[in-house]
Amino acid sequence: MKLTRLVAFAFVSFFCYGIVNWMMSTGHFHLQAKTISLPQMWQGLLIALVLYFLGILALYLNRMLGFYVLGLVIVIYSLGMISALMSGYQSTAGMEIKLLLEIIGVVGLGVNFYTLILLTRWRHKNN
């Protein structure tokens, strides 16, 4: 298996997290009781980008360390997506917005799960 496929799924995972983060932090969707400011949203996205980038960089530099770093990052942001799904479900937003958030969150969780499967296969192949 090529490493580029694994990296591509990691970027798709980050992209799904970015959309969910944007939807949860935007005030006009009414997905949270407390609104998050725009700088806080960008700060969260920047931290996520740095962590994903460190995981991918670790994959290229040190194969086994990269497996653990990227796997940990994906698990952490999967928990964040689950939290966003639960918060969005309990929100006062319209049904269409809730459905869109749920679809993107479930797709993101599916991509994260598949990325973890790819990481495990890649680790067993290179071990």
C-alpha atoms as a PDB file:
ATOM      1  CA  MET A   1       0.000   0.000   0.000  1.00  0.00           C
ATOM      2  CA  LYS A   2       1.266   3.423  -0.864  1.00  0.00           C
ATOM      3  CA  LEU A   3       1.853   5.951   1.839  1.00  0.00           C
ATOM      4  CA  THR A   4       0.209   8.659  -0.288  1.00  0.00           C
ATOM      5  CA  ARG A   5      -3.177   6.941   0.059  1.00  0.00           C
ATOM      6  CA  LEU A   6      -2.844   7.057   3.822  1.00  0.00           C
ATOM      7  CA  VAL A   7      -1.857  10.720   3.745  1.00  0.00           C
ATOM      8  CA  ALA A   8      -4.773  11.543   1.438  1.00  0.00           C
ATOM      9  CA  PHE A   9      -7.251  10.000   3.858  1.00  0.00           C
ATOM     10  CA  ALA A  10      -5.633  11.921   6.721  1.00  0.00           C
ATOM     11  CA  PHE A  11      -6.207  15.180   4.831  1.00  0.00           C
ATOM     12  CA  VAL A  12      -9.816  14.224   4.089  1.00  0.00           C
ATOM     13  CA  SER A  13     -10.216  13.548   7.817  1.00  0.00           C
ATOM     14  CA  PHE A  14      -8.853  17.009   8.606  1.00  0.00           C
ATOM     15  CA  PHE A  15     -11.158  18.555   6.014  1.00  0.00           C
ATOM     16  CA  CYS A  16     -14.232  16.886   7.558  1.00  0.00           C
ATOM     17  CA  TYR A  17     -13.144  18.064  10.997  1.00  0.00           C
ATOM     18  CA  GLY A  18     -12.726  21.596   9.634  1.00  0.00           C
ATOM     19  CA  ILE A  19     -16.263  21.648   8.234  1.00  0.00           C
ATOM     20  CA  VAL A  20     -17.754  20.311  11.481  1.00  0.00           C
ATOM     21  CA  ASN A  21     -15.701  22.829  13.480  1.00  0.00           C
ATOM     22  CA  TRP A  22     -16.884  25.685  11.276  1.00  0.00           C
ATOM     23  CA  MET A  23     -20.524  24.604  11.513  1.00  0.00           C
ATOM     24  CA  MET A  24     -20.354  24.281  15.297  1.00  0.00           C
ATOM     25  CA  SER A  25     -18.659  27.656  15.787  1.00  0.00           C
ATOM     26  CA  THR A  26     -20.837  29.694  13.429  1.00  0.00           C
ATOM     27  CA  GLY A  27     -23.437  31.595  15.394  1.00  0.00           C
ATOM     28  CA  HIS A  28     -26.212  31.736  12.806  1.00  0.00           C
ATOM     29  CA  PHE A  29     -26.621  27.931  12.709  1.00  0.00           C
ATOM     30  CA  HIS A  30     -27.575  27.857  16.422  1.00  0.00           C
ATOM     31  CA  LEU A  31     -25.782  24.561  16.998  1.00  0.00           C
ATOM     32  CA  GLN A  32     -24.298  25.602  20.349  1.00  0.00           C
ATOM     33  CA  ALA A  33     -25.654  27.516  23.310  1.00  0.00           C
ATOM     34  CA  LYS A  34     -22.415  29.511  23.572  1.00  0.00           C
ATOM     35  CA  THR A  35     -21.030  31.026  20.396  1.00  0.00           C
ATOM     36  CA  ILE A  36     -17.336  30.714  19.628  1.00  0.00           C
ATOM     37  CA  SER A  37     -15.487  33.684  18.196  1.00  0.00           C
ATOM     38  CA  LEU A  38     -13.846  33.533  14.787  1.00  0.00           C
ATOM     39  CA  PRO A  39     -10.268  33.714  16.180  1.00  0.00           C
ATOM     40  CA  GLN A  40     -11.021  30.782  18.496  1.00  0.00           C
ATOM     41  CA  MET A  41     -12.293  28.746  15.555  1.00  0.00           C
ATOM     42  CA  TRP A  42      -9.180  29.508  13.505  1.00  0.00           C
ATOM     43  CA  GLN A  43      -6.989  28.703  16.493  1.00  0.00           C
ATOM     44  CA  GLY A  44      -8.635  25.284  16.815  1.00  0.00           C
ATOM     45  CA  LEU A  45      -8.214  24.617  13.102  1.00  0.00           C
ATOM     46  CA  LEU A  46      -4.573  25.702  13.192  1.00  0.00           C
ATOM     47  CA  ILE A  47      -3.857  23.382  16.118  1.00  0.00           C
ATOM     48  CA  ALA A  48      -5.565  20.522  14.274  1.00  0.00           C
ATOM     49  CA  LEU A  49      -3.576  21.268  11.107  1.00  0.00           C
ATOM     50  CA  VAL A  50      -0.294  21.287  13.029  1.00  0.00           C
ATOM     51  CA  LEU A  51      -1.119  17.989  14.763  1.00  0.00           C
ATOM     52  CA  TYR A  52      -2.144  16.296  11.506  1.00  0.00           C
ATOM     53  CA  PHE A  53       0.973  17.676   9.817  1.00  0.00           C
ATOM     54  CA  LEU A  54       3.194  16.386  12.640  1.00  0.00           C
ATOM     55  CA  GLY A  55       1.598  12.953  12.341  1.00  0.00           C
ATOM     56  CA  ILE A  56       2.130  12.868   8.579  1.00  0.00           C
ATOM     57  CA  LEU A  57       5.677  14.162   8.905  1.00  0.00           C
ATOM     58  CA  ALA A  58       6.394  11.506  11.518  1.00  0.00           C
ATOM     59  CA  LEU A  59       5.080   8.882   9.071  1.00  0.00           C
ATOM     60  CA  TYR A  60       7.647   9.916   6.503  1.00  0.00           C
ATOM     61  CA  LEU A  61      10.553  10.293   8.943  1.00  0.00           C
ATOM     62  CA  ASN A  62      10.043   7.487  11.443  1.00  0.00           C
ATOM     63  CA  ARG A  63       7.524   4.899  10.348  1.00  0.00           C
ATOM     64  CA  MET A  64       6.563   3.423  13.721  1.00  0.00           C
ATOM     65  CA  LEU A  65       6.438   6.760  15.544  1.00  0.00           C
ATOM     66  CA  GLY A  66       4.285   8.181  12.751  1.00  0.00           C
ATOM     67  CA  PHE A  67       1.820   5.343  13.129  1.00  0.00           C
ATOM     68  CA  TYR A  68       1.274   6.130  16.791  1.00  0.00           C
ATOM     69  CA  VAL A  69       1.243   9.924  16.421  1.00  0.00           C
ATOM     70  CA  LEU A  70      -1.207  10.001  13.512  1.00  0.00           C
ATOM     71  CA  GLY A  71      -3.363   7.315  15.110  1.00  0.00           C
ATOM     72  CA  LEU A  72      -3.575   9.307  18.336  1.00  0.00           C
ATOM     73  CA  VAL A  73      -4.457  12.515  16.469  1.00  0.00           C
ATOM     74  CA  ILE A  74      -7.202  10.746  14.534  1.00  0.00           C
ATOM     75  CA  VAL A  75      -8.659   9.186  17.692  1.00  0.00           C
ATOM     76  CA  ILE A  76      -8.649  12.562  19.486  1.00  0.00           C
ATOM     77  CA  TYR A  77     -10.422  14.344  16.631  1.00  0.00           C
ATOM     78  CA  SER A  78     -12.866  11.448  16.261  1.00  0.00           C
ATOM     79  CA  LEU A  79     -13.893  12.038  19.861  1.00  0.00           C
ATOM     80  CA  GLY A  80     -14.314  15.720  19.005  1.00  0.00           C
ATOM     81  CA  MET A  81     -16.587  14.814  16.095  1.00  0.00           C
ATOM     82  CA  ILE A  82     -18.671  12.556  18.329  1.00  0.00           C
ATOM     83  CA  SER A  83     -19.024  15.439  20.781  1.00  0.00           C
ATOM     84  CA  ALA A  84     -20.058  17.773  17.962  1.00  0.00           C
ATOM     85  CA  LEU A  85     -22.632  15.256  16.747  1.00  0.00           C
ATOM     86  CA  MET A  86     -24.150  14.988  20.207  1.00  0.00           C
ATOM     87  CA  SER A  87     -24.164  18.764  20.722  1.00  0.00           C
ATOM     88  CA  GLY A  88     -25.668  19.360  17.311  1.00  0.00           C
ATOM     89  CA  TYR A  89     -28.387  16.787  17.897  1.00  0.00           C
ATOM     90  CA  GLN A  90     -29.411  18.508  21.135  1.00  0.00           C
ATOM     91  CA  SER A  91     -29.292  22.010  19.670  1.00  0.00           C
ATOM     92  CA  THR A  92     -32.140  24.292  18.665  1.00  0.00           C
ATOM     93  CA  ALA A  93     -31.031  24.478  15.037  1.00  0.00           C
ATOM     94  CA  GLY A  94     -33.284  23.650  12.124  1.00  0.00           C
ATOM     95  CA  MET A  95     -33.650  20.058  11.030  1.00  0.00           C
ATOM     96  CA  GLU A  96     -31.779  20.643   7.752  1.00  0.00           C
ATOM     97  CA  ILE A  97     -28.747  22.062   9.551  1.00  0.00           C
ATOM     98  CA  LYS A  98     -28.768  19.203  12.047  1.00  0.00           C
ATOM     99  CA  LEU A  99     -29.012  16.680   9.212  1.00  0.00           C
ATOM    100  CA  LEU A 100     -26.123  18.300   7.345  1.00  0.00           C
ATOM    101  CA  LEU A 101     -23.984  18.278  10.489  1.00  0.00           C
ATOM    102  CA  GLU A 102     -24.866  14.644  11.178  1.00  0.00           C
ATOM    103  CA  ILE A 103     -24.028  13.574   7.613  1.00  0.00           C
ATOM    104  CA  ILE A 104     -20.672  15.366   7.575  1.00  0.00           C
ATOM    105  CA  GLY A 105     -19.843  14.086  11.059  1.00  0.00           C
ATOM    106  CA  VAL A 106     -20.683  10.479  10.183  1.00  0.00           C
ATOM    107  CA  VAL A 107     -18.685  10.699   6.945  1.00  0.00           C
ATOM    108  CA  GLY A 108     -15.779  12.155   8.934  1.00  0.00           C
ATOM    109  CA  LEU A 109     -15.993   9.362  11.496  1.00  0.00           C
ATOM    110  CA  GLY A 110     -16.109   6.795   8.684  1.00  0.00           C
ATOM    111  CA  VAL A 111     -13.026   8.325   7.070  1.00  0.00           C
ATOM    112  CA  ASN A 112     -11.257   8.352  10.437  1.00  0.00           C
ATOM    113  CA  PHE A 113     -12.118   4.702  11.047  1.00  0.00           C
ATOM    114  CA  TYR A 114     -10.911   3.720   7.570  1.00  0.00           C
ATOM    115  CA  THR A 115      -7.725   5.740   8.064  1.00  0.00           C
ATOM    116  CA  LEU A 116      -7.058   3.822  11.280  1.00  0.00           C
ATOM    117  CA  ILE A 117      -7.590   0.569   9.379  1.00  0.00           C
ATOM    118  CA  LEU A 118      -5.124   1.727   6.711  1.00  0.00           C
ATOM    119  CA  LEU A 119      -2.627   2.694   9.418  1.00  0.00           C
ATOM    120  CA  THR A 120      -2.896  -0.742  11.004  1.00  0.00           C
ATOM    121  CA  ARG A 121      -2.487  -2.544   7.666  1.00  0.00           C
ATOM    122  CA  TRP A 122       0.459  -0.338   6.785  1.00  0.00           C
ATOM    123  CA  ARG A 123       2.092  -0.996  10.151  1.00  0.00           C
ATOM    124  CA  HIS A 124       1.719  -4.753   9.819  1.00  0.00           C
ATOM    125  CA  LYS A 125       3.090  -4.662   6.295  1.00  0.00           C
ATOM    126  CA  ASN A 126       6.161  -2.611   7.257  1.00  0.00           C
ATOM    127  CA  ASN A 127       6.822  -4.333  10.557  1.00  0.00           C
END
